[in-house]
């Protein structure tokens, strides 16, 4: 019984640790340009920790519904990832 408790607690601890490790890290930025037709948005952003990328201005791909939530000059918090080799905004706060 004691072994089962230890095993259960260990499993729970590992699950929580891995969940926290994969939690989305939002990055602050300012929308510089929106090109809805091309599905692209230019963002001046802080460091992208999840992509090990310094602060800079760059172009990201984004889905229509995400682009619809952005306008030039907006201050945003977003997540980005590499999708099929291209950088893409994956979520907005």
C-alpha atoms as a PDB file:
ATOM      1  CA  UNK A   1       0.000   0.000   0.000  1.00  0.00           C
ATOM      2  CA  UNK A   2       2.838   2.393   0.861  1.00  0.00           C
ATOM      3  CA  UNK A   3       4.471   1.673  -2.509  1.00  0.00           C
ATOM      4  CA  UNK A   4       1.210   2.496  -4.302  1.00  0.00           C
ATOM      5  CA  UNK A   5       0.995   5.859  -2.498  1.00  0.00           C
ATOM      6  CA  UNK A   6       4.564   6.725  -3.426  1.00  0.00           C
ATOM      7  CA  UNK A   7       3.973   5.718  -7.040  1.00  0.00           C
ATOM      8  CA  UNK A   8       0.779   7.775  -7.199  1.00  0.00           C
ATOM      9  CA  UNK A   9       2.457  10.862  -5.715  1.00  0.00           C
ATOM     10  CA  UNK A  10       5.420  10.529  -8.067  1.00  0.00           C
ATOM     11  CA  UNK A  11       3.125  10.252 -11.088  1.00  0.00           C
ATOM     12  CA  UNK A  12       1.158  13.300  -9.964  1.00  0.00           C
ATOM     13  CA  UNK A  13       4.336  15.337  -9.447  1.00  0.00           C
ATOM     14  CA  UNK A  14       5.661  14.407 -12.894  1.00  0.00           C
ATOM     15  CA  UNK A  15       2.331  15.264 -14.527  1.00  0.00           C
ATOM     16  CA  UNK A  16       2.231  18.688 -12.890  1.00  0.00           C
ATOM     17  CA  UNK A  17       5.849  19.390 -13.793  1.00  0.00           C
ATOM     18  CA  UNK A  18       5.380  18.480 -17.444  1.00  0.00           C
ATOM     19  CA  UNK A  19       2.159  20.494 -17.638  1.00  0.00           C
ATOM     20  CA  UNK A  20       3.929  23.578 -16.323  1.00  0.00           C
ATOM     21  CA  UNK A  21       6.836  23.063 -18.704  1.00  0.00           C
ATOM     22  CA  UNK A  22       4.479  23.110 -21.684  1.00  0.00           C
ATOM     23  CA  UNK A  23       2.369  26.059 -20.506  1.00  0.00           C
ATOM     24  CA  UNK A  24       2.109  28.738 -23.142  1.00  0.00           C
ATOM     25  CA  UNK A  25       4.351  31.731 -22.668  1.00  0.00           C
ATOM     26  CA  UNK A  26       2.727  34.908 -23.936  1.00  0.00           C
ATOM     27  CA  UNK A  27       4.926  37.635 -25.400  1.00  0.00           C
ATOM     28  CA  UNK A  28       4.097  41.338 -25.510  1.00  0.00           C
ATOM     29  CA  UNK A  29       4.182  43.134 -28.818  1.00  0.00           C
ATOM     30  CA  UNK A  30       2.775  45.937 -30.947  1.00  0.00           C
ATOM     31  CA  UNK A  31       1.111  45.259 -34.296  1.00  0.00           C
ATOM     32  CA  UNK A  32       2.980  47.244 -36.937  1.00  0.00           C
ATOM     33  CA  UNK A  33       1.196  46.017 -40.073  1.00  0.00           C
ATOM     34  CA  UNK A  34      -1.662  43.681 -40.956  1.00  0.00           C
ATOM     35  CA  UNK A  35      -1.886  42.005 -44.384  1.00  0.00           C
ATOM     36  CA  UNK A  36      -5.117  40.017 -44.140  1.00  0.00           C
ATOM     37  CA  UNK A  37      -5.045  38.925 -47.799  1.00  0.00           C
ATOM     38  CA  UNK A  38      -1.623  37.326 -47.394  1.00  0.00           C
ATOM     39  CA  UNK A  39      -2.398  35.988 -43.908  1.00  0.00           C
ATOM     40  CA  UNK A  40       0.533  37.884 -42.400  1.00  0.00           C
ATOM     41  CA  UNK A  41       1.064  40.331 -39.560  1.00  0.00           C
ATOM     42  CA  UNK A  42       4.179  42.330 -38.658  1.00  0.00           C
ATOM     43  CA  UNK A  43       4.786  42.569 -34.915  1.00  0.00           C
ATOM     44  CA  UNK A  44       7.379  44.500 -32.896  1.00  0.00           C
ATOM     45  CA  UNK A  45       7.852  42.022 -30.062  1.00  0.00           C
ATOM     46  CA  UNK A  46       9.762  41.341 -26.870  1.00  0.00           C
ATOM     47  CA  UNK A  47      11.912  38.226 -26.535  1.00  0.00           C
ATOM     48  CA  UNK A  48      10.148  35.056 -27.688  1.00  0.00           C
ATOM     49  CA  UNK A  49      11.328  32.745 -24.923  1.00  0.00           C
ATOM     50  CA  UNK A  50       9.641  29.640 -26.354  1.00  0.00           C
ATOM     51  CA  UNK A  51      11.466  30.102 -29.675  1.00  0.00           C
ATOM     52  CA  UNK A  52      14.751  31.334 -28.147  1.00  0.00           C
ATOM     53  CA  UNK A  53      14.480  34.529 -30.208  1.00  0.00           C
ATOM     54  CA  UNK A  54      15.518  38.047 -29.133  1.00  0.00           C
ATOM     55  CA  UNK A  55      13.245  41.079 -29.301  1.00  0.00           C
ATOM     56  CA  UNK A  56      12.792  42.355 -32.853  1.00  0.00           C
ATOM     57  CA  UNK A  57      10.301  43.260 -35.560  1.00  0.00           C
ATOM     58  CA  UNK A  58       9.199  40.370 -37.727  1.00  0.00           C
ATOM     59  CA  UNK A  59       6.450  38.987 -39.935  1.00  0.00           C
ATOM     60  CA  UNK A  60       4.301  36.098 -38.717  1.00  0.00           C
ATOM     61  CA  UNK A  61       1.653  34.035 -40.415  1.00  0.00           C
ATOM     62  CA  UNK A  62      -1.762  33.959 -38.742  1.00  0.00           C
ATOM     63  CA  UNK A  63      -5.185  32.433 -39.356  1.00  0.00           C
ATOM     64  CA  UNK A  64      -8.070  34.663 -40.482  1.00  0.00           C
ATOM     65  CA  UNK A  65      -9.759  34.629 -37.070  1.00  0.00           C
ATOM     66  CA  UNK A  66      -6.529  35.726 -35.355  1.00  0.00           C
ATOM     67  CA  UNK A  67      -5.836  38.474 -37.899  1.00  0.00           C
ATOM     68  CA  UNK A  68      -9.410  39.730 -37.498  1.00  0.00           C
ATOM     69  CA  UNK A  69      -8.611  40.498 -33.850  1.00  0.00           C
ATOM     70  CA  UNK A  70      -5.618  42.720 -34.722  1.00  0.00           C
ATOM     71  CA  UNK A  71      -5.230  46.245 -36.017  1.00  0.00           C
ATOM     72  CA  UNK A  72      -2.153  48.377 -36.625  1.00  0.00           C
ATOM     73  CA  UNK A  73      -0.965  49.967 -33.386  1.00  0.00           C
ATOM     74  CA  UNK A  74      -2.631  47.377 -31.101  1.00  0.00           C
ATOM     75  CA  UNK A  75      -0.652  46.324 -28.043  1.00  0.00           C
ATOM     76  CA  UNK A  76      -1.033  42.545 -27.842  1.00  0.00           C
ATOM     77  CA  UNK A  77       0.102  39.491 -25.935  1.00  0.00           C
ATOM     78  CA  UNK A  78       0.568  36.463 -28.166  1.00  0.00           C
ATOM     79  CA  UNK A  79       2.108  33.050 -28.543  1.00  0.00           C
ATOM     80  CA  UNK A  80       3.959  31.912 -31.635  1.00  0.00           C
ATOM     81  CA  UNK A  81       5.327  28.639 -32.909  1.00  0.00           C
ATOM     82  CA  UNK A  82       6.914  27.117 -35.988  1.00  0.00           C
ATOM     83  CA  UNK A  83       4.203  25.566 -38.131  1.00  0.00           C
ATOM     84  CA  UNK A  84       5.341  23.818 -41.304  1.00  0.00           C
ATOM     85  CA  UNK A  85       8.625  25.725 -41.111  1.00  0.00           C
ATOM     86  CA  UNK A  86       7.013  29.168 -40.810  1.00  0.00           C
ATOM     87  CA  UNK A  87       6.528  31.310 -37.706  1.00  0.00           C
ATOM     88  CA  UNK A  88       2.861  31.613 -36.837  1.00  0.00           C
ATOM     89  CA  UNK A  89       0.826  33.484 -34.212  1.00  0.00           C
ATOM     90  CA  UNK A  90      -1.009  30.677 -32.434  1.00  0.00           C
ATOM     91  CA  UNK A  91      -2.968  32.578 -29.758  1.00  0.00           C
ATOM     92  CA  UNK A  92      -3.864  36.055 -28.550  1.00  0.00           C
ATOM     93  CA  UNK A  93      -4.766  37.205 -25.055  1.00  0.00           C
END
